[in-house]
Amino acid sequence: MKGNQKVKGVIFDLDGTLVDSYQAIYLSFKYAYENMGLPALPYEVVKKVVGRGLNQTFQDLLGEERVPQALSLFRKKYEEVFRNHTHLLPDAREVLETLHRQEVHMAVATNKFGRFSRAILEHFGLEKYFAVIVGDGDVAENKPDPEMLYYAMGKMEVGKEDTVFVGDSVIDIQTAKNAGLRVFAVPTGNTAREDLENAKPSMLLERLLDLLTYIS
């Protein structure tokens, strides 16, 4: 992408892109598993299995019939721990504040439960920068279906040719391609740089701050 290309809208993924909430997710997984009489999954395993939305994750891990109980237990614990066990990733605040000053429209599209996504960004005082924060439960289909991105563009009132998506996973890259958007990948989540490269994003950044070089 040319450095001088005007971008009017940026849609961000949340976990691994703007925030690190893996510890909160791990503690909530542990609580759910232990209360269901199951051995807790190791932290590294939890990091790898999340990303498609909890409903899908628990269905894959535990089978459909145990999903409601697992979700209920997870959400109960997550509500208690997410504020203390989630932190902003380096560059996130600076990038959002800079883009806001430049009057770039912004949104978040995440497979994290929508209510928690909004609460996290509110906790850090960042929710005011976004036209919409859309997550699991807010639309019919989660990523990699493009519905979240279409919804976000509608709220930002920006067309796809003027919008980029920024994410840290192969799912994010697939989602952007499914929506016909350019996608910047950042190796700040749980996906190896090589896997991101193989998924062929429009641009693979070293760090989130580099985004400003391309869209300022």
N, C-alpha and C. Protein backbone atom coordinates (compact mmCIF):
# COMPACT_ATOMS: atom_id res chain seq x y z
N MET A 1 0.84 -1.19 0.00
CA MET A 1 0.00 0.00 0.00
C MET A 1 0.88 1.24 0.00
N LYS A 2 0.51 2.22 -0.77
CA LYS A 2 1.30 3.45 -0.83
C LYS A 2 1.14 4.22 0.47
N GLY A 3 2.21 4.84 0.92
CA GLY A 3 2.20 5.54 2.19
C GLY A 3 1.21 6.69 2.23
N ASN A 4 0.88 7.25 1.05
CA ASN A 4 0.03 8.45 1.05
C ASN A 4 -1.44 8.11 0.80
N GLN A 5 -1.78 6.86 0.87
CA GLN A 5 -3.17 6.45 0.59
C GLN A 5 -4.08 6.93 1.72
N LYS A 6 -5.14 7.63 1.37
CA LYS A 6 -6.05 8.16 2.40
C LYS A 6 -6.94 7.04 2.92
N VAL A 7 -6.93 6.88 4.22
CA VAL A 7 -7.81 5.91 4.87
C VAL A 7 -8.78 6.69 5.75
N LYS A 8 -10.06 6.43 5.58
CA LYS A 8 -11.07 7.18 6.35
C LYS A 8 -11.59 6.38 7.53
N GLY A 9 -11.44 5.04 7.47
CA GLY A 9 -11.96 4.20 8.54
C GLY A 9 -11.01 3.06 8.87
N VAL A 10 -10.85 2.81 10.17
CA VAL A 10 -10.04 1.68 10.62
C VAL A 10 -10.88 0.83 11.58
N ILE A 11 -10.97 -0.46 11.29
CA ILE A 11 -11.64 -1.40 12.20
C ILE A 11 -10.56 -2.24 12.86
N PHE A 12 -10.59 -2.31 14.18
CA PHE A 12 -9.60 -3.08 14.93
C PHE A 12 -10.23 -4.34 15.52
N ASP A 13 -9.45 -5.42 15.52
CA ASP A 13 -9.74 -6.53 16.40
C ASP A 13 -9.42 -6.06 17.82
N LEU A 14 -9.80 -6.83 18.84
CA LEU A 14 -9.54 -6.41 20.23
C LEU A 14 -8.42 -7.22 20.88
N ASP A 15 -8.69 -8.48 21.22
CA ASP A 15 -7.69 -9.31 21.92
C ASP A 15 -6.47 -9.57 21.05
N GLY A 16 -5.30 -9.25 21.57
CA GLY A 16 -4.07 -9.50 20.83
C GLY A 16 -3.72 -8.37 19.88
N THR A 17 -4.65 -7.44 19.68
CA THR A 17 -4.43 -6.29 18.80
C THR A 17 -4.36 -5.00 19.62
N LEU A 18 -5.38 -4.77 20.43
CA LEU A 18 -5.41 -3.58 21.30
C LEU A 18 -5.16 -3.94 22.76
N VAL A 19 -5.64 -5.11 23.19
CA VAL A 19 -5.50 -5.49 24.60
C VAL A 19 -4.97 -6.92 24.73
N ASP A 20 -4.41 -7.19 25.91
CA ASP A 20 -4.04 -8.56 26.29
C ASP A 20 -4.94 -8.95 27.44
N SER A 21 -5.86 -9.84 27.17
CA SER A 21 -6.77 -10.29 28.23
C SER A 21 -6.68 -11.80 28.43
N TYR A 22 -5.55 -12.37 27.99
CA TYR A 22 -5.41 -13.83 28.08
C TYR A 22 -5.45 -14.34 29.51
N GLN A 23 -4.90 -13.57 30.45
CA GLN A 23 -4.92 -14.02 31.85
C GLN A 23 -6.35 -14.10 32.38
N ALA A 24 -7.16 -13.11 32.05
CA ALA A 24 -8.57 -13.11 32.47
C ALA A 24 -9.32 -14.28 31.83
N ILE A 25 -9.02 -14.53 30.56
CA ILE A 25 -9.66 -15.65 29.86
C ILE A 25 -9.25 -16.97 30.50
N TYR A 26 -7.95 -17.10 30.79
CA TYR A 26 -7.45 -18.33 31.40
C TYR A 26 -8.11 -18.58 32.76
N LEU A 27 -8.18 -17.57 33.60
CA LEU A 27 -8.79 -17.73 34.93
C LEU A 27 -10.27 -18.14 34.81
N SER A 28 -10.94 -17.60 33.81
CA SER A 28 -12.36 -17.91 33.62
C SER A 28 -12.55 -19.32 33.07
N PHE A 29 -11.66 -19.74 32.18
CA PHE A 29 -11.66 -21.12 31.69
C PHE A 29 -11.45 -22.08 32.85
N LYS A 30 -10.46 -21.77 33.68
CA LYS A 30 -10.10 -22.62 34.81
C LYS A 30 -11.30 -22.79 35.75
N TYR A 31 -11.96 -21.68 36.03
CA TYR A 31 -13.13 -21.69 36.90
C TYR A 31 -14.24 -22.56 36.30
N ALA A 32 -14.50 -22.36 35.02
CA ALA A 32 -15.56 -23.13 34.35
C ALA A 32 -15.25 -24.62 34.37
N TYR A 33 -14.03 -24.98 34.00
CA TYR A 33 -13.65 -26.40 33.95
C TYR A 33 -13.72 -27.03 35.33
N GLU A 34 -13.15 -26.36 36.32
CA GLU A 34 -13.13 -26.94 37.67
C GLU A 34 -14.53 -27.11 38.24
N ASN A 35 -15.43 -26.17 37.93
CA ASN A 35 -16.81 -26.27 38.41
C ASN A 35 -17.64 -27.27 37.63
N MET A 36 -17.09 -27.75 36.53
CA MET A 36 -17.75 -28.81 35.77
C MET A 36 -17.08 -30.16 36.05
N GLY A 37 -16.15 -30.17 37.00
CA GLY A 37 -15.47 -31.41 37.38
C GLY A 37 -14.44 -31.86 36.36
N LEU A 38 -13.88 -30.90 35.61
CA LEU A 38 -12.90 -31.24 34.57
C LEU A 38 -11.53 -30.67 34.94
N PRO A 39 -10.45 -31.31 34.52
CA PRO A 39 -9.12 -30.74 34.76
C PRO A 39 -8.93 -29.46 33.93
N ALA A 40 -8.41 -28.43 34.56
CA ALA A 40 -8.23 -27.14 33.87
C ALA A 40 -7.22 -27.27 32.73
N LEU A 41 -7.46 -26.52 31.67
CA LEU A 41 -6.53 -26.50 30.55
C LEU A 41 -5.34 -25.61 30.89
N PRO A 42 -4.13 -25.98 30.45
CA PRO A 42 -2.98 -25.11 30.66
C PRO A 42 -3.15 -23.76 29.95
N TYR A 43 -2.49 -22.75 30.50
CA TYR A 43 -2.56 -21.38 29.96
C TYR A 43 -2.27 -21.34 28.46
N GLU A 44 -1.19 -22.00 28.03
CA GLU A 44 -0.80 -21.95 26.62
C GLU A 44 -1.85 -22.57 25.70
N VAL A 45 -2.54 -23.59 26.21
CA VAL A 45 -3.62 -24.23 25.43
C VAL A 45 -4.79 -23.27 25.30
N VAL A 46 -5.15 -22.62 26.41
CA VAL A 46 -6.26 -21.65 26.38
C VAL A 46 -5.97 -20.55 25.36
N LYS A 47 -4.75 -20.04 25.37
CA LYS A 47 -4.37 -18.98 24.41
C LYS A 47 -4.59 -19.43 22.97
N LYS A 48 -4.28 -20.69 22.71
CA LYS A 48 -4.38 -21.19 21.33
C LYS A 48 -5.82 -21.45 20.88
N VAL A 49 -6.69 -21.85 21.81
CA VAL A 49 -8.03 -22.27 21.38
C VAL A 49 -9.02 -21.11 21.23
N VAL A 50 -8.73 -19.96 21.85
CA VAL A 50 -9.68 -18.85 21.74
C VAL A 50 -9.51 -18.12 20.42
N GLY A 51 -10.55 -17.41 20.03
CA GLY A 51 -10.45 -16.61 18.80
C GLY A 51 -11.67 -16.68 17.91
N ARG A 52 -12.45 -17.77 18.05
CA ARG A 52 -13.62 -17.91 17.17
C ARG A 52 -14.93 -17.59 17.89
N GLY A 53 -14.81 -17.11 19.13
CA GLY A 53 -16.00 -16.88 19.95
C GLY A 53 -16.15 -18.05 20.91
N LEU A 54 -16.57 -17.74 22.13
CA LEU A 54 -16.62 -18.77 23.18
C LEU A 54 -17.58 -19.90 22.88
N ASN A 55 -18.70 -19.55 22.28
CA ASN A 55 -19.70 -20.56 21.96
C ASN A 55 -19.08 -21.67 21.12
N GLN A 56 -18.38 -21.24 20.06
CA GLN A 56 -17.73 -22.19 19.15
C GLN A 56 -16.60 -22.93 19.86
N THR A 57 -15.83 -22.20 20.67
CA THR A 57 -14.69 -22.80 21.37
C THR A 57 -15.14 -23.90 22.31
N PHE A 58 -16.16 -23.60 23.13
CA PHE A 58 -16.66 -24.61 24.07
C PHE A 58 -17.33 -25.77 23.35
N GLN A 59 -17.98 -25.48 22.24
CA GLN A 59 -18.59 -26.56 21.46
C GLN A 59 -17.51 -27.52 20.94
N ASP A 60 -16.42 -26.95 20.44
CA ASP A 60 -15.32 -27.77 19.93
C ASP A 60 -14.67 -28.59 21.05
N LEU A 61 -14.54 -27.99 22.22
CA LEU A 61 -13.82 -28.63 23.32
C LEU A 61 -14.67 -29.62 24.12
N LEU A 62 -15.95 -29.25 24.33
CA LEU A 62 -16.77 -29.98 25.31
C LEU A 62 -18.02 -30.64 24.71
N GLY A 63 -18.35 -30.30 23.48
CA GLY A 63 -19.59 -30.81 22.89
C GLY A 63 -20.74 -29.85 23.18
N GLU A 64 -21.70 -29.85 22.27
CA GLU A 64 -22.77 -28.85 22.30
C GLU A 64 -23.57 -28.81 23.59
N GLU A 65 -23.81 -29.98 24.17
CA GLU A 65 -24.71 -30.02 25.34
C GLU A 65 -24.11 -29.34 26.59
N ARG A 66 -22.79 -29.19 26.63
CA ARG A 66 -22.17 -28.57 27.81
C ARG A 66 -21.89 -27.08 27.62
N VAL A 67 -22.19 -26.57 26.43
CA VAL A 67 -21.89 -25.16 26.13
C VAL A 67 -22.61 -24.18 27.08
N PRO A 68 -23.94 -24.33 27.30
CA PRO A 68 -24.61 -23.35 28.16
C PRO A 68 -24.01 -23.24 29.57
N GLN A 69 -23.70 -24.39 30.16
CA GLN A 69 -23.11 -24.38 31.51
C GLN A 69 -21.72 -23.74 31.49
N ALA A 70 -20.92 -24.12 30.51
CA ALA A 70 -19.56 -23.57 30.41
C ALA A 70 -19.59 -22.06 30.20
N LEU A 71 -20.47 -21.60 29.33
CA LEU A 71 -20.59 -20.15 29.08
C LEU A 71 -21.00 -19.41 30.33
N SER A 72 -21.97 -19.95 31.02
CA SER A 72 -22.48 -19.31 32.24
C SER A 72 -21.40 -19.18 33.31
N LEU A 73 -20.64 -20.26 33.51
CA LEU A 73 -19.56 -20.25 34.50
C LEU A 73 -18.44 -19.30 34.07
N PHE A 74 -18.08 -19.36 32.80
CA PHE A 74 -17.03 -18.49 32.28
C PHE A 74 -17.39 -17.02 32.51
N ARG A 75 -18.60 -16.66 32.12
CA ARG A 75 -19.00 -15.25 32.20
C ARG A 75 -19.08 -14.75 33.63
N LYS A 76 -19.50 -15.63 34.53
CA LYS A 76 -19.57 -15.27 35.96
C LYS A 76 -18.17 -14.88 36.46
N LYS A 77 -17.18 -15.72 36.15
CA LYS A 77 -15.82 -15.47 36.60
C LYS A 77 -15.20 -14.28 35.86
N TYR A 78 -15.44 -14.21 34.56
CA TYR A 78 -14.85 -13.14 33.75
C TYR A 78 -15.29 -11.77 34.27
N GLU A 79 -16.55 -11.68 34.62
CA GLU A 79 -17.10 -10.43 35.18
C GLU A 79 -16.28 -9.99 36.41
N GLU A 80 -15.83 -10.94 37.20
CA GLU A 80 -15.06 -10.64 38.42
C GLU A 80 -13.62 -10.23 38.11
N VAL A 81 -13.02 -10.84 37.10
CA VAL A 81 -11.56 -10.71 36.93
C VAL A 81 -11.08 -9.84 35.77
N PHE A 82 -11.98 -9.50 34.83
CA PHE A 82 -11.44 -8.92 33.59
C PHE A 82 -10.80 -7.55 33.77
N ARG A 83 -11.31 -6.75 34.70
CA ARG A 83 -10.72 -5.40 34.86
C ARG A 83 -9.29 -5.46 35.39
N ASN A 84 -9.05 -6.37 36.34
CA ASN A 84 -7.72 -6.46 36.95
C ASN A 84 -6.73 -7.28 36.12
N HIS A 85 -7.23 -8.06 35.19
CA HIS A 85 -6.35 -8.98 34.46
C HIS A 85 -6.34 -8.73 32.95
N THR A 86 -6.66 -7.51 32.56
CA THR A 86 -6.57 -7.11 31.15
C THR A 86 -5.72 -5.86 31.09
N HIS A 87 -4.78 -5.80 30.17
CA HIS A 87 -4.03 -4.56 30.01
C HIS A 87 -3.92 -4.17 28.54
N LEU A 88 -3.75 -2.88 28.33
CA LEU A 88 -3.58 -2.37 26.96
C LEU A 88 -2.23 -2.83 26.42
N LEU A 89 -2.20 -3.17 25.16
CA LEU A 89 -0.94 -3.50 24.52
C LEU A 89 -0.15 -2.22 24.23
N PRO A 90 1.18 -2.33 24.14
CA PRO A 90 1.99 -1.17 23.81
C PRO A 90 1.47 -0.51 22.53
N ASP A 91 1.50 0.79 22.47
CA ASP A 91 1.10 1.58 21.29
C ASP A 91 -0.41 1.78 21.14
N ALA A 92 -1.23 0.98 21.82
CA ALA A 92 -2.68 1.03 21.54
C ALA A 92 -3.26 2.42 21.79
N ARG A 93 -2.98 2.97 22.98
CA ARG A 93 -3.57 4.28 23.30
C ARG A 93 -3.06 5.36 22.34
N GLU A 94 -1.76 5.35 22.09
CA GLU A 94 -1.16 6.36 21.21
C GLU A 94 -1.75 6.30 19.80
N VAL A 95 -1.90 5.09 19.28
CA VAL A 95 -2.45 4.92 17.93
C VAL A 95 -3.90 5.41 17.88
N LEU A 96 -4.69 5.03 18.86
CA LEU A 96 -6.11 5.44 18.86
C LEU A 96 -6.24 6.95 19.01
N GLU A 97 -5.46 7.54 19.90
CA GLU A 97 -5.54 8.99 20.12
C GLU A 97 -5.09 9.76 18.88
N THR A 98 -4.05 9.25 18.22
CA THR A 98 -3.55 9.92 17.01
C THR A 98 -4.58 9.86 15.89
N LEU A 99 -5.14 8.68 15.67
CA LEU A 99 -6.14 8.53 14.60
C LEU A 99 -7.38 9.38 14.90
N HIS A 100 -7.75 9.44 16.16
CA HIS A 100 -8.90 10.25 16.55
C HIS A 100 -8.65 11.72 16.22
N ARG A 101 -7.43 12.20 16.55
CA ARG A 101 -7.08 13.60 16.24
C ARG A 101 -7.11 13.86 14.74
N GLN A 102 -6.77 12.84 13.97
CA GLN A 102 -6.77 12.97 12.50
C GLN A 102 -8.15 12.74 11.90
N GLU A 103 -9.12 12.57 12.76
CA GLU A 103 -10.53 12.42 12.35
C GLU A 103 -10.77 11.18 11.48
N VAL A 104 -9.98 10.14 11.77
CA VAL A 104 -10.22 8.83 11.14
C VAL A 104 -11.34 8.14 11.92
N HIS A 105 -12.32 7.60 11.23
CA HIS A 105 -13.40 6.87 11.90
C HIS A 105 -12.87 5.51 12.36
N MET A 106 -13.29 5.07 13.55
CA MET A 106 -12.79 3.80 14.08
C MET A 106 -13.91 2.94 14.65
N ALA A 107 -13.68 1.63 14.59
CA ALA A 107 -14.62 0.67 15.16
C ALA A 107 -13.82 -0.53 15.66
N VAL A 108 -14.45 -1.36 16.48
CA VAL A 108 -13.86 -2.62 16.92
C VAL A 108 -14.79 -3.75 16.47
N ALA A 109 -14.19 -4.81 15.93
CA ALA A 109 -14.93 -6.02 15.55
C ALA A 109 -14.19 -7.21 16.16
N THR A 110 -14.81 -7.86 17.12
CA THR A 110 -14.14 -8.91 17.89
C THR A 110 -15.06 -10.10 18.12
N ASN A 111 -14.48 -11.28 18.23
CA ASN A 111 -15.27 -12.46 18.58
C ASN A 111 -15.41 -12.61 20.10
N LYS A 112 -14.87 -11.64 20.86
CA LYS A 112 -15.13 -11.62 22.30
C LYS A 112 -16.57 -11.15 22.51
N PHE A 113 -17.20 -11.65 23.55
CA PHE A 113 -18.56 -11.27 23.90
C PHE A 113 -18.69 -9.73 23.88
N GLY A 114 -19.67 -9.23 23.15
CA GLY A 114 -19.78 -7.79 22.93
C GLY A 114 -19.84 -6.95 24.20
N ARG A 115 -20.61 -7.40 25.17
CA ARG A 115 -20.76 -6.63 26.41
C ARG A 115 -19.43 -6.47 27.13
N PHE A 116 -18.63 -7.53 27.16
CA PHE A 116 -17.32 -7.45 27.81
C PHE A 116 -16.36 -6.58 27.01
N SER A 117 -16.44 -6.63 25.70
CA SER A 117 -15.57 -5.82 24.85
C SER A 117 -15.80 -4.34 25.11
N ARG A 118 -17.08 -3.96 25.20
CA ARG A 118 -17.40 -2.56 25.47
C ARG A 118 -16.96 -2.16 26.88
N ALA A 119 -17.13 -3.06 27.84
CA ALA A 119 -16.74 -2.77 29.22
C ALA A 119 -15.22 -2.60 29.35
N ILE A 120 -14.45 -3.40 28.61
CA ILE A 120 -12.98 -3.29 28.65
C ILE A 120 -12.53 -1.94 28.13
N LEU A 121 -13.06 -1.54 26.98
CA LEU A 121 -12.63 -0.28 26.38
C LEU A 121 -13.11 0.91 27.22
N GLU A 122 -14.25 0.77 27.84
CA GLU A 122 -14.76 1.79 28.77
C GLU A 122 -13.82 1.90 29.98
N HIS A 123 -13.38 0.76 30.49
CA HIS A 123 -12.48 0.71 31.64
C HIS A 123 -11.20 1.50 31.36
N PHE A 124 -10.71 1.46 30.12
CA PHE A 124 -9.49 2.18 29.76
C PHE A 124 -9.78 3.59 29.22
N GLY A 125 -11.06 3.97 29.22
CA GLY A 125 -11.42 5.30 28.75
C GLY A 125 -11.27 5.49 27.25
N LEU A 126 -11.40 4.39 26.50
CA LEU A 126 -11.18 4.45 25.06
C LEU A 126 -12.45 4.29 24.23
N GLU A 127 -13.56 3.97 24.87
CA GLU A 127 -14.77 3.66 24.10
C GLU A 127 -15.23 4.86 23.28
N LYS A 128 -14.89 6.06 23.74
CA LYS A 128 -15.34 7.29 23.06
C LYS A 128 -14.75 7.44 21.65
N TYR A 129 -13.68 6.70 21.36
CA TYR A 129 -13.04 6.83 20.06
C TYR A 129 -13.73 6.03 18.95
N PHE A 130 -14.66 5.16 19.32
CA PHE A 130 -15.20 4.22 18.35
C PHE A 130 -16.66 4.51 17.98
N ALA A 131 -16.93 4.43 16.68
CA ALA A 131 -18.31 4.58 16.21
C ALA A 131 -19.16 3.41 16.72
N VAL A 132 -18.53 2.23 16.82
CA VAL A 132 -19.23 1.05 17.33
C VAL A 132 -18.19 0.03 17.79
N ILE A 133 -18.55 -0.73 18.82
CA ILE A 133 -17.74 -1.86 19.30
C ILE A 133 -18.64 -3.08 19.17
N VAL A 134 -18.37 -3.90 18.17
CA VAL A 134 -19.27 -5.02 17.86
C VAL A 134 -18.56 -6.34 18.19
N GLY A 135 -19.27 -7.19 18.91
CA GLY A 135 -18.68 -8.45 19.34
C GLY A 135 -19.66 -9.61 19.25
N ASP A 136 -19.23 -10.74 19.81
CA ASP A 136 -20.03 -11.96 19.84
C ASP A 136 -21.39 -11.64 20.48
N GLY A 137 -22.45 -12.04 19.80
CA GLY A 137 -23.80 -11.80 20.31
C GLY A 137 -24.45 -10.55 19.75
N ASP A 138 -23.67 -9.70 19.07
CA ASP A 138 -24.23 -8.45 18.54
C ASP A 138 -24.76 -8.60 17.12
N VAL A 139 -24.21 -9.55 16.38
CA VAL A 139 -24.68 -9.82 15.01
C VAL A 139 -24.84 -11.34 14.88
N ALA A 140 -25.41 -11.77 13.77
CA ALA A 140 -25.75 -13.20 13.63
C ALA A 140 -24.51 -14.08 13.50
N GLU A 141 -23.48 -13.59 12.81
CA GLU A 141 -22.30 -14.42 12.52
C GLU A 141 -21.02 -13.78 13.03
N ASN A 142 -20.17 -14.58 13.64
CA ASN A 142 -18.86 -14.11 14.08
C ASN A 142 -17.85 -14.17 12.94
N LYS A 143 -16.69 -13.53 13.13
CA LYS A 143 -15.58 -13.68 12.19
C LYS A 143 -15.19 -15.15 12.10
N PRO A 144 -14.80 -15.68 10.95
CA PRO A 144 -14.40 -14.99 9.72
C PRO A 144 -15.53 -14.56 8.77
N ASP A 145 -16.80 -14.77 9.15
CA ASP A 145 -17.88 -14.20 8.35
C ASP A 145 -17.69 -12.68 8.35
N PRO A 146 -17.93 -12.00 7.22
CA PRO A 146 -17.66 -10.56 7.16
C PRO A 146 -18.74 -9.67 7.79
N GLU A 147 -19.79 -10.27 8.34
CA GLU A 147 -20.93 -9.47 8.81
C GLU A 147 -20.52 -8.36 9.79
N MET A 148 -19.63 -8.67 10.74
CA MET A 148 -19.20 -7.66 11.71
C MET A 148 -18.56 -6.45 11.02
N LEU A 149 -17.76 -6.72 10.00
CA LEU A 149 -17.07 -5.63 9.31
C LEU A 149 -18.05 -4.78 8.51
N TYR A 150 -19.03 -5.41 7.88
CA TYR A 150 -20.06 -4.65 7.16
C TYR A 150 -20.85 -3.78 8.14
N TYR A 151 -21.17 -4.37 9.28
CA TYR A 151 -21.93 -3.64 10.30
C TYR A 151 -21.13 -2.42 10.79
N ALA A 152 -19.84 -2.65 11.05
CA ALA A 152 -18.98 -1.56 11.53
C ALA A 152 -18.85 -0.45 10.49
N MET A 153 -18.67 -0.82 9.22
CA MET A 153 -18.56 0.19 8.16
C MET A 153 -19.84 1.01 8.05
N GLY A 154 -20.97 0.34 8.24
CA GLY A 154 -22.25 1.05 8.23
C GLY A 154 -22.32 2.09 9.33
N LYS A 155 -21.86 1.72 10.52
CA LYS A 155 -21.88 2.65 11.66
C LYS A 155 -20.87 3.79 11.47
N MET A 156 -19.72 3.48 10.84
CA MET A 156 -18.71 4.51 10.60
C MET A 156 -19.08 5.39 9.40
N GLU A 157 -20.01 4.87 8.57
CA GLU A 157 -20.42 5.55 7.33
C GLU A 157 -19.22 5.74 6.40
N VAL A 158 -18.44 4.68 6.26
CA VAL A 158 -17.26 4.69 5.40
C VAL A 158 -17.33 3.47 4.48
N GLY A 159 -16.95 3.64 3.22
CA GLY A 159 -16.98 2.55 2.25
C GLY A 159 -15.77 1.64 2.38
N LYS A 160 -15.87 0.44 1.80
CA LYS A 160 -14.78 -0.54 1.97
C LYS A 160 -13.48 -0.09 1.32
N GLU A 161 -13.57 0.70 0.25
CA GLU A 161 -12.33 1.14 -0.41
C GLU A 161 -11.54 2.14 0.46
N ASP A 162 -12.21 2.72 1.45
CA ASP A 162 -11.56 3.70 2.34
C ASP A 162 -11.29 3.14 3.74
N THR A 163 -11.51 1.83 3.90
CA THR A 163 -11.41 1.21 5.23
C THR A 163 -10.34 0.14 5.25
N VAL A 164 -9.63 0.03 6.38
CA VAL A 164 -8.71 -1.10 6.59
C VAL A 164 -9.08 -1.81 7.88
N PHE A 165 -8.74 -3.08 7.94
CA PHE A 165 -8.95 -3.87 9.15
C PHE A 165 -7.59 -4.19 9.74
N VAL A 166 -7.48 -4.13 11.07
CA VAL A 166 -6.22 -4.41 11.75
C VAL A 166 -6.46 -5.53 12.75
N GLY A 167 -5.69 -6.63 12.61
CA GLY A 167 -5.88 -7.76 13.52
C GLY A 167 -4.60 -8.56 13.69
N ASP A 168 -4.66 -9.53 14.60
CA ASP A 168 -3.45 -10.28 14.97
C ASP A 168 -3.54 -11.76 14.63
N SER A 169 -4.59 -12.18 13.91
CA SER A 169 -4.78 -13.62 13.70
C SER A 169 -5.09 -13.95 12.25
N VAL A 170 -4.95 -15.22 11.93
CA VAL A 170 -5.31 -15.71 10.60
C VAL A 170 -6.81 -15.49 10.36
N ILE A 171 -7.61 -15.67 11.39
CA ILE A 171 -9.06 -15.42 11.27
C ILE A 171 -9.32 -13.98 10.86
N ASP A 172 -8.57 -13.04 11.46
CA ASP A 172 -8.74 -11.63 11.11
C ASP A 172 -8.41 -11.38 9.64
N ILE A 173 -7.35 -11.98 9.18
CA ILE A 173 -6.95 -11.81 7.78
C ILE A 173 -8.02 -12.38 6.85
N GLN A 174 -8.53 -13.56 7.20
CA GLN A 174 -9.59 -14.19 6.39
C GLN A 174 -10.85 -13.31 6.39
N THR A 175 -11.18 -12.76 7.55
CA THR A 175 -12.38 -11.93 7.66
C THR A 175 -12.31 -10.73 6.75
N ALA A 176 -11.16 -10.05 6.79
CA ALA A 176 -10.98 -8.87 5.94
C ALA A 176 -11.09 -9.23 4.47
N LYS A 177 -10.46 -10.35 4.09
CA LYS A 177 -10.54 -10.79 2.69
C LYS A 177 -11.99 -11.11 2.30
N ASN A 178 -12.70 -11.74 3.22
CA ASN A 178 -14.11 -12.07 2.96
C ASN A 178 -14.96 -10.82 2.78
N ALA A 179 -14.54 -9.73 3.43
CA ALA A 179 -15.28 -8.47 3.34
C ALA A 179 -14.77 -7.57 2.21
N GLY A 180 -13.66 -7.99 1.58
CA GLY A 180 -13.07 -7.18 0.51
C GLY A 180 -12.29 -5.98 1.03
N LEU A 181 -11.73 -6.11 2.24
CA LEU A 181 -10.96 -5.01 2.84
C LEU A 181 -9.47 -5.29 2.81
N ARG A 182 -8.68 -4.24 2.79
CA ARG A 182 -7.25 -4.37 3.03
C ARG A 182 -7.05 -4.70 4.51
N VAL A 183 -6.02 -5.48 4.81
CA VAL A 183 -5.83 -5.90 6.20
C VAL A 183 -4.37 -5.76 6.61
N PHE A 184 -4.17 -5.11 7.74
CA PHE A 184 -2.85 -5.00 8.36
C PHE A 184 -2.80 -6.00 9.50
N ALA A 185 -1.78 -6.85 9.49
CA ALA A 185 -1.63 -7.83 10.57
C ALA A 185 -0.53 -7.38 11.53
N VAL A 186 -0.74 -7.61 12.83
CA VAL A 186 0.28 -7.31 13.84
C VAL A 186 0.60 -8.59 14.61
N PRO A 187 1.89 -8.88 14.83
CA PRO A 187 2.28 -10.13 15.49
C PRO A 187 2.29 -9.99 17.01
N THR A 188 1.21 -9.41 17.56
CA THR A 188 1.17 -9.10 18.99
C THR A 188 0.20 -9.98 19.78
N GLY A 189 -0.39 -10.96 19.08
CA GLY A 189 -1.34 -11.86 19.74
C GLY A 189 -0.76 -13.24 19.90
N ASN A 190 -1.58 -14.26 19.64
CA ASN A 190 -1.13 -15.64 19.87
C ASN A 190 -0.82 -16.37 18.57
N THR A 191 -0.65 -15.61 17.45
CA THR A 191 -0.36 -16.24 16.16
C THR A 191 1.08 -15.96 15.76
N ALA A 192 1.80 -16.99 15.37
CA ALA A 192 3.20 -16.83 14.95
C ALA A 192 3.28 -15.95 13.72
N ARG A 193 4.34 -15.16 13.66
CA ARG A 193 4.57 -14.25 12.54
C ARG A 193 4.51 -15.00 11.19
N GLU A 194 5.12 -16.18 11.18
CA GLU A 194 5.15 -16.99 9.95
C GLU A 194 3.74 -17.36 9.48
N ASP A 195 2.87 -17.69 10.44
CA ASP A 195 1.49 -18.04 10.09
C ASP A 195 0.74 -16.83 9.53
N LEU A 196 1.04 -15.66 10.09
CA LEU A 196 0.42 -14.44 9.57
C LEU A 196 0.91 -14.18 8.14
N GLU A 197 2.21 -14.32 7.93
CA GLU A 197 2.79 -14.13 6.59
C GLU A 197 2.14 -15.07 5.58
N ASN A 198 1.98 -16.33 5.96
CA ASN A 198 1.40 -17.33 5.06
C ASN A 198 -0.05 -17.03 4.70
N ALA A 199 -0.74 -16.31 5.58
CA ALA A 199 -2.14 -15.94 5.31
C ALA A 199 -2.25 -14.74 4.38
N LYS A 200 -1.10 -14.14 4.06
CA LYS A 200 -1.01 -13.05 3.07
C LYS A 200 -1.90 -11.83 3.38
N PRO A 201 -1.58 -11.13 4.48
CA PRO A 201 -2.26 -9.85 4.70
C PRO A 201 -1.77 -8.81 3.69
N SER A 202 -2.46 -7.70 3.59
CA SER A 202 -2.00 -6.62 2.71
C SER A 202 -0.65 -6.10 3.20
N MET A 203 -0.49 -6.09 4.53
CA MET A 203 0.75 -5.60 5.13
C MET A 203 0.93 -6.27 6.48
N LEU A 204 2.15 -6.75 6.75
CA LEU A 204 2.47 -7.30 8.07
C LEU A 204 3.34 -6.28 8.79
N LEU A 205 2.81 -5.71 9.86
CA LEU A 205 3.52 -4.68 10.61
C LEU A 205 4.43 -5.32 11.66
N GLU A 206 5.45 -4.58 12.08
CA GLU A 206 6.29 -5.03 13.19
C GLU A 206 5.55 -4.82 14.51
N ARG A 207 4.88 -3.67 14.59
CA ARG A 207 4.14 -3.31 15.82
C ARG A 207 2.99 -2.39 15.43
N LEU A 208 2.05 -2.23 16.32
CA LEU A 208 0.84 -1.45 16.01
C LEU A 208 1.17 -0.02 15.63
N LEU A 209 2.19 0.56 16.26
CA LEU A 209 2.55 1.95 15.99
C LEU A 209 2.87 2.19 14.51
N ASP A 210 3.38 1.16 13.83
CA ASP A 210 3.72 1.29 12.41
C ASP A 210 2.50 1.61 11.54
N LEU A 211 1.33 1.29 12.06
CA LEU A 211 0.10 1.59 11.32
C LEU A 211 0.04 3.07 10.93
N LEU A 212 0.50 3.94 11.83
CA LEU A 212 0.42 5.38 11.58
C LEU A 212 1.26 5.80 10.37
N THR A 213 2.32 5.08 10.09
CA THR A 213 3.16 5.37 8.93
C THR A 213 2.39 5.22 7.64
N TYR A 214 1.47 4.27 7.63
CA TYR A 214 0.76 3.94 6.39
C TYR A 214 -0.54 4.70 6.21
N ILE A 215 -1.13 5.15 7.29
CA ILE A 215 -2.44 5.79 7.10
C ILE A 215 -2.52 7.22 7.57
N SER A 216 -1.41 7.78 8.07
CA SER A 216 -1.46 9.19 8.47
C SER A 216 -1.42 10.07 7.23
